[in-house]
């Protein structure tokens, strides 16, 4: 996302912020955030809010501290008014709602980082967005590989076979360098996945090749390790060729920080965010 876009979104979200007098608690109204977050219908946004409330409770926090249902009067035709449902949301509540959105949408990707940060310095928000993009890419790769494993198990390939297929796909993507060779190059221990240390671009490349394999395995009803290996290798070669056209060789890209450390750091940040967001006054705490 371009810096000027981040600055524009930051200004917009800043303008929607409100404060409880004498409490020092910042909050947002859900209906104010609905359109900036890319939602058109309140019913759809309410689904995201309810998922966020469930996430809050599951994490062990009291939903009423961060989500407060309110009724507001809105203008209708000819000077009339009618009541509508709304929510007061702490910064932590807004963060949880953004976490339940589609990170491929620019406003959602921005909001995930904006609400996670107590500071509003643009460069810090942009750093957090890059971190979140890598975490999101890694999760998508986990899901696509899980799907591939399930697909090929139904077609006569066991776990060991899946490992061989994935390794040969890696060799095709990394210009002949096997998974182990890339681990050695990056200094990764045997027990850790290579993908946990790859940059976002390479994770996305692996995911694209895996999704292509998933699609063609099902569309063409491929069966057996030999046929599925051939398909996966071809897809990785195609992705490598595409990257090569833009001057990118995946095997030459430097490794990134262990994604497990990043995930632990994000969890710790979320706990601090919940504490520092404060609690909406007047709730039952239940």
Protein backbone atom coordinates (compact mmCIF):
# COMPACT_ATOMS: atom_id res chain seq x y z
CA UNK A 1 0.00 0.00 0.00
CA UNK A 2 1.36 3.42 -0.94
CA UNK A 3 2.40 5.81 1.82
CA UNK A 4 -0.03 8.47 0.66
CA UNK A 5 -2.90 5.95 0.88
CA UNK A 6 -1.86 5.03 4.42
CA UNK A 7 -1.75 8.72 5.34
CA UNK A 8 -5.24 9.30 3.90
CA UNK A 9 -6.69 6.31 5.74
CA UNK A 10 -4.92 7.34 8.93
CA UNK A 11 -6.44 10.83 8.75
CA UNK A 12 -9.88 9.35 8.14
CA UNK A 13 -9.76 6.91 11.05
CA UNK A 14 -8.28 9.60 13.32
CA UNK A 15 -11.22 11.88 12.51
CA UNK A 16 -13.69 9.17 13.57
CA UNK A 17 -12.08 8.72 16.98
CA UNK A 18 -14.03 9.91 20.01
CA UNK A 19 -13.22 10.17 23.70
CA UNK A 20 -15.16 9.68 26.91
CA UNK A 21 -14.82 12.93 28.91
CA UNK A 22 -12.68 12.65 32.05
CA UNK A 23 -12.06 8.94 31.39
CA UNK A 24 -9.21 9.16 28.89
CA UNK A 25 -10.78 6.31 26.92
CA UNK A 26 -10.77 6.45 23.14
CA UNK A 27 -13.62 4.81 21.24
CA UNK A 28 -15.28 4.58 17.84
CA UNK A 29 -18.89 4.08 16.78
CA UNK A 30 -19.42 0.95 14.69
CA UNK A 31 -21.63 2.70 12.14
CA UNK A 32 -18.92 5.30 11.58
CA UNK A 33 -16.41 2.53 10.79
CA UNK A 34 -18.65 0.38 8.60
CA UNK A 35 -18.11 2.19 5.29
CA UNK A 36 -14.37 2.96 5.79
CA UNK A 37 -13.83 -0.76 6.44
CA UNK A 38 -15.47 -1.64 3.14
CA UNK A 39 -18.89 -2.80 4.35
CA UNK A 40 -22.08 -1.68 2.59
CA UNK A 41 -24.75 -3.45 4.65
CA UNK A 42 -25.07 -3.18 8.42
CA UNK A 43 -26.15 -6.83 8.61
CA UNK A 44 -22.82 -7.95 7.14
CA UNK A 45 -20.83 -5.66 9.43
CA UNK A 46 -22.82 -6.92 12.42
CA UNK A 47 -21.66 -10.44 11.57
CA UNK A 48 -18.04 -9.27 11.80
CA UNK A 49 -18.80 -7.52 15.11
CA UNK A 50 -20.35 -10.67 16.55
CA UNK A 51 -17.33 -12.73 15.48
CA UNK A 52 -15.09 -10.18 17.18
CA UNK A 53 -17.17 -10.40 20.37
CA UNK A 54 -16.81 -14.19 20.33
CA UNK A 55 -13.05 -13.80 19.84
CA UNK A 56 -12.89 -11.39 22.79
CA UNK A 57 -14.72 -13.83 25.06
CA UNK A 58 -12.68 -16.81 23.85
CA UNK A 59 -9.50 -14.92 24.68
CA UNK A 60 -10.75 -14.48 28.23
CA UNK A 61 -11.79 -10.84 28.27
CA UNK A 62 -15.20 -9.37 29.11
CA UNK A 63 -16.99 -8.33 25.93
CA UNK A 64 -18.91 -5.57 27.71
CA UNK A 65 -15.63 -3.84 28.54
CA UNK A 66 -14.98 -3.27 24.84
CA UNK A 67 -18.30 -3.61 22.96
CA UNK A 68 -21.25 -1.55 24.15
CA UNK A 69 -24.57 -1.73 22.36
CA UNK A 70 -26.25 1.68 22.03
CA UNK A 71 -29.25 3.14 20.25
CA UNK A 72 -28.81 6.22 18.09
CA UNK A 73 -31.33 8.41 16.34
CA UNK A 74 -30.72 9.05 12.64
CA UNK A 75 -32.33 11.53 10.30
CA UNK A 76 -34.86 10.25 7.79
CA UNK A 77 -36.91 12.11 5.21
CA UNK A 78 -38.66 15.40 6.00
CA UNK A 79 -36.96 16.00 9.33
CA UNK A 80 -38.02 12.74 10.90
CA UNK A 81 -35.84 10.44 13.00
CA UNK A 82 -35.72 6.77 13.77
CA UNK A 83 -33.66 4.68 16.21
CA UNK A 84 -30.88 2.41 14.93
CA UNK A 85 -28.63 -0.12 16.60
CA UNK A 86 -24.98 0.83 17.06
CA UNK A 87 -21.95 -0.08 19.18
CA UNK A 88 -19.34 1.87 21.08
CA UNK A 89 -16.02 0.15 20.42
CA UNK A 90 -12.69 0.46 22.22
CA UNK A 91 -9.47 0.34 20.22
CA UNK A 92 -9.15 -3.34 21.13
CA UNK A 93 -12.68 -4.05 19.87
CA UNK A 94 -11.90 -2.30 16.59
CA UNK A 95 -8.73 -4.39 16.29
CA UNK A 96 -10.70 -7.62 16.75
CA UNK A 97 -13.24 -6.55 14.11
CA UNK A 98 -10.42 -5.81 11.66
CA UNK A 99 -8.88 -9.20 12.45
CA UNK A 100 -12.15 -10.81 11.34
CA UNK A 101 -12.11 -9.00 7.98
CA UNK A 102 -10.46 -9.88 4.67
CA UNK A 103 -6.79 -8.72 4.89
CA UNK A 104 -6.62 -8.53 1.08
CA UNK A 105 -8.88 -5.46 1.26
CA UNK A 106 -6.73 -2.36 1.72
CA UNK A 107 -8.93 -0.74 4.41
CA UNK A 108 -8.95 -3.96 6.45
CA UNK A 109 -5.19 -4.47 6.07
CA UNK A 110 -4.66 -0.89 7.23
CA UNK A 111 -7.15 -1.15 10.11
CA UNK A 112 -5.51 -4.30 11.49
CA UNK A 113 -2.30 -2.36 11.98
CA UNK A 114 -3.83 1.02 12.83
CA UNK A 115 -5.85 -0.29 15.76
CA UNK A 116 -3.01 -2.56 16.93
CA UNK A 117 -0.75 0.45 17.44
CA UNK A 118 -1.10 2.79 20.40
CA UNK A 119 1.03 5.31 18.56
CA UNK A 120 -0.17 6.84 15.30
CA UNK A 121 3.22 7.35 13.67
CA UNK A 122 2.79 6.46 10.02
CA UNK A 123 6.09 4.60 9.68
CA UNK A 124 5.23 2.32 12.60
CA UNK A 125 1.83 1.55 11.11
CA UNK A 126 3.49 0.71 7.78
CA UNK A 127 6.00 -1.58 9.55
CA UNK A 128 3.15 -3.35 11.29
CA UNK A 129 1.30 -3.76 7.98
CA UNK A 130 4.33 -5.49 6.45
CA UNK A 131 4.50 -7.82 9.46
CA UNK A 132 0.78 -8.57 9.24
CA UNK A 133 1.04 -9.26 5.50
CA UNK A 134 3.68 -11.92 6.17
CA UNK A 135 1.62 -13.53 8.92
CA UNK A 136 -1.47 -13.57 6.68
CA UNK A 137 0.51 -15.05 3.77
CA UNK A 138 1.90 -17.79 6.03
CA UNK A 139 -1.59 -18.68 7.28
CA UNK A 140 -2.92 -18.94 3.71
CA UNK A 141 -0.03 -21.26 2.81
CA UNK A 142 -0.79 -23.44 5.85
CA UNK A 143 -4.40 -23.74 4.70
CA UNK A 144 -3.56 -24.52 1.07
CA UNK A 145 -0.99 -27.16 2.08
CA UNK A 146 -3.49 -28.69 4.49
CA UNK A 147 -6.04 -28.88 1.67
CA UNK A 148 -3.47 -30.43 -0.67
CA UNK A 149 -2.55 -33.02 1.95
CA UNK A 150 -6.21 -33.99 2.34
CA UNK A 151 -6.82 -34.03 -1.42
CA UNK A 152 -3.93 -36.31 -2.25
CA UNK A 153 -4.53 -38.63 0.71
CA UNK A 154 -7.88 -39.42 -0.89
CA UNK A 155 -5.99 -40.17 -4.10
CA UNK A 156 -3.54 -42.74 -2.76
CA UNK A 157 -0.71 -40.57 -1.37
CA UNK A 158 0.33 -40.89 2.28
CA UNK A 159 2.08 -38.34 4.52
CA UNK A 160 5.54 -39.41 3.39
CA UNK A 161 4.45 -39.01 -0.22
CA UNK A 162 3.10 -35.54 0.53
CA UNK A 163 6.49 -34.60 1.97
CA UNK A 164 8.26 -35.79 -1.19
CA UNK A 165 5.81 -33.90 -3.43
CA UNK A 166 6.28 -30.69 -1.48
CA UNK A 167 10.06 -31.08 -1.48
CA UNK A 168 10.20 -31.56 -5.26
CA UNK A 169 7.96 -28.53 -5.65
CA UNK A 170 10.42 -26.53 -3.57
CA UNK A 171 13.31 -27.68 -5.75
CA UNK A 172 11.42 -26.46 -8.82
CA UNK A 173 10.65 -23.09 -7.22
CA UNK A 174 14.19 -22.55 -5.89
CA UNK A 175 16.04 -23.39 -9.10
CA UNK A 176 17.10 -26.92 -8.15
CA UNK A 177 17.79 -26.19 -4.47
CA UNK A 178 15.95 -28.74 -2.33
CA UNK A 179 14.06 -27.90 0.84
CA UNK A 180 17.01 -29.12 2.90
CA UNK A 181 19.47 -27.12 0.80
CA UNK A 182 17.44 -23.96 1.43
CA UNK A 183 17.27 -24.77 5.14
CA UNK A 184 21.06 -25.16 5.18
CA UNK A 185 21.45 -21.86 3.34
CA UNK A 186 19.24 -20.09 5.87
CA UNK A 187 20.59 -21.92 8.92
CA UNK A 188 17.21 -23.49 9.79
CA UNK A 189 17.06 -26.53 12.08
CA UNK A 190 15.75 -29.81 10.68
CA UNK A 191 12.53 -29.73 12.68
CA UNK A 192 11.34 -26.30 11.54
CA UNK A 193 9.40 -25.62 8.30
CA UNK A 194 11.26 -23.68 5.63
CA UNK A 195 8.22 -21.46 5.07
CA UNK A 196 8.48 -20.04 8.62
CA UNK A 197 11.63 -18.17 7.55
CA UNK A 198 10.72 -17.14 4.01
CA UNK A 199 9.94 -13.55 2.99
CA UNK A 200 6.33 -12.68 2.17
CA UNK A 201 6.90 -12.82 -1.59
CA UNK A 202 8.26 -16.37 -1.48
CA UNK A 203 5.50 -17.56 0.84
CA UNK A 204 2.95 -16.12 -1.59
CA UNK A 205 4.73 -17.85 -4.50
CA UNK A 206 4.59 -21.22 -2.73
CA UNK A 207 0.93 -20.65 -1.93
CA UNK A 208 0.07 -19.82 -5.55
CA UNK A 209 1.77 -22.98 -6.83
CA UNK A 210 0.02 -25.07 -4.14
CA UNK A 211 -3.39 -23.59 -4.96
CA UNK A 212 -2.81 -24.35 -8.64
CA UNK A 213 -1.98 -27.93 -7.73
CA UNK A 214 -5.10 -28.20 -5.58
CA UNK A 215 -7.21 -26.91 -8.44
CA UNK A 216 -5.79 -29.22 -11.10
CA UNK A 217 -5.73 -32.30 -8.86
CA UNK A 218 -9.47 -31.91 -8.44
CA UNK A 219 -10.32 -30.69 -11.93
CA UNK A 220 -8.34 -33.43 -13.66
CA UNK A 221 -8.89 -36.04 -10.93
CA UNK A 222 -5.16 -36.76 -10.69
CA UNK A 223 -4.25 -39.85 -8.71
CA UNK A 224 -1.04 -41.32 -7.35
CA UNK A 225 2.24 -39.74 -6.30
CA UNK A 226 3.82 -39.67 -9.76
CA UNK A 227 1.01 -37.73 -11.46
CA UNK A 228 0.54 -35.29 -8.57
CA UNK A 229 4.30 -34.72 -8.25
CA UNK A 230 4.51 -33.86 -11.94
CA UNK A 231 1.63 -31.40 -11.57
CA UNK A 232 3.13 -29.72 -8.51
CA UNK A 233 6.58 -29.43 -10.08
CA UNK A 234 5.13 -27.84 -13.23
CA UNK A 235 3.18 -25.32 -11.19
CA UNK A 236 6.23 -24.32 -9.17
CA UNK A 237 8.26 -24.02 -12.37
CA UNK A 238 5.56 -21.76 -13.82
CA UNK A 239 5.60 -19.53 -10.75
CA UNK A 240 9.41 -19.41 -10.83
CA UNK A 241 9.30 -18.41 -14.50
CA UNK A 242 6.84 -15.62 -13.72
CA UNK A 243 9.10 -14.30 -10.94
CA UNK A 244 12.12 -14.60 -13.21
CA UNK A 245 10.48 -12.33 -15.75
CA UNK A 246 10.57 -9.63 -13.07
CA UNK A 247 14.19 -10.36 -12.18
CA UNK A 248 13.40 -12.28 -8.98
CA UNK A 249 15.15 -15.51 -7.99
CA UNK A 250 13.53 -16.92 -4.83
CA UNK A 251 16.69 -18.72 -3.71
CA UNK A 252 18.61 -15.43 -3.56
CA UNK A 253 16.16 -13.61 -1.30
CA UNK A 254 17.37 -13.29 2.31
CA UNK A 255 15.51 -15.09 5.12
CA UNK A 256 13.18 -13.28 7.47
CA UNK A 257 12.71 -13.50 11.24
CA UNK A 258 11.24 -16.75 12.54
CA UNK A 259 7.49 -16.37 12.07
CA UNK A 260 6.84 -18.18 15.36
CA UNK A 261 8.62 -15.34 17.16
CA UNK A 262 6.50 -12.84 15.24
CA UNK A 263 3.31 -14.66 16.25
CA UNK A 264 4.36 -14.63 19.92
CA UNK A 265 5.15 -10.92 19.67
CA UNK A 266 1.75 -10.21 18.11
CA UNK A 267 0.01 -12.12 20.93
CA UNK A 268 1.93 -10.11 23.52
CA UNK A 269 1.02 -6.89 21.69
CA UNK A 270 -2.65 -7.90 21.75
CA UNK A 271 -2.56 -8.35 25.53
CA UNK A 272 -0.97 -4.92 25.98
CA UNK A 273 -3.53 -3.42 23.59
CA UNK A 274 -6.42 -4.85 25.60
CA UNK A 275 -5.02 -3.40 28.83
CA UNK A 276 -4.21 0.02 27.39
CA UNK A 277 -7.52 0.38 25.53
CA UNK A 278 -9.29 0.84 28.84
CA UNK A 279 -12.81 -0.29 29.62
CA UNK A 280 -16.05 1.33 28.58
CA UNK A 281 -17.74 2.77 31.68
CA UNK A 282 -21.08 1.68 33.06
CA UNK A 283 -20.97 -1.96 31.90
CA UNK A 284 -21.99 -4.99 33.87
CA UNK A 285 -18.65 -6.66 33.24
CA UNK A 286 -20.48 -9.87 32.36
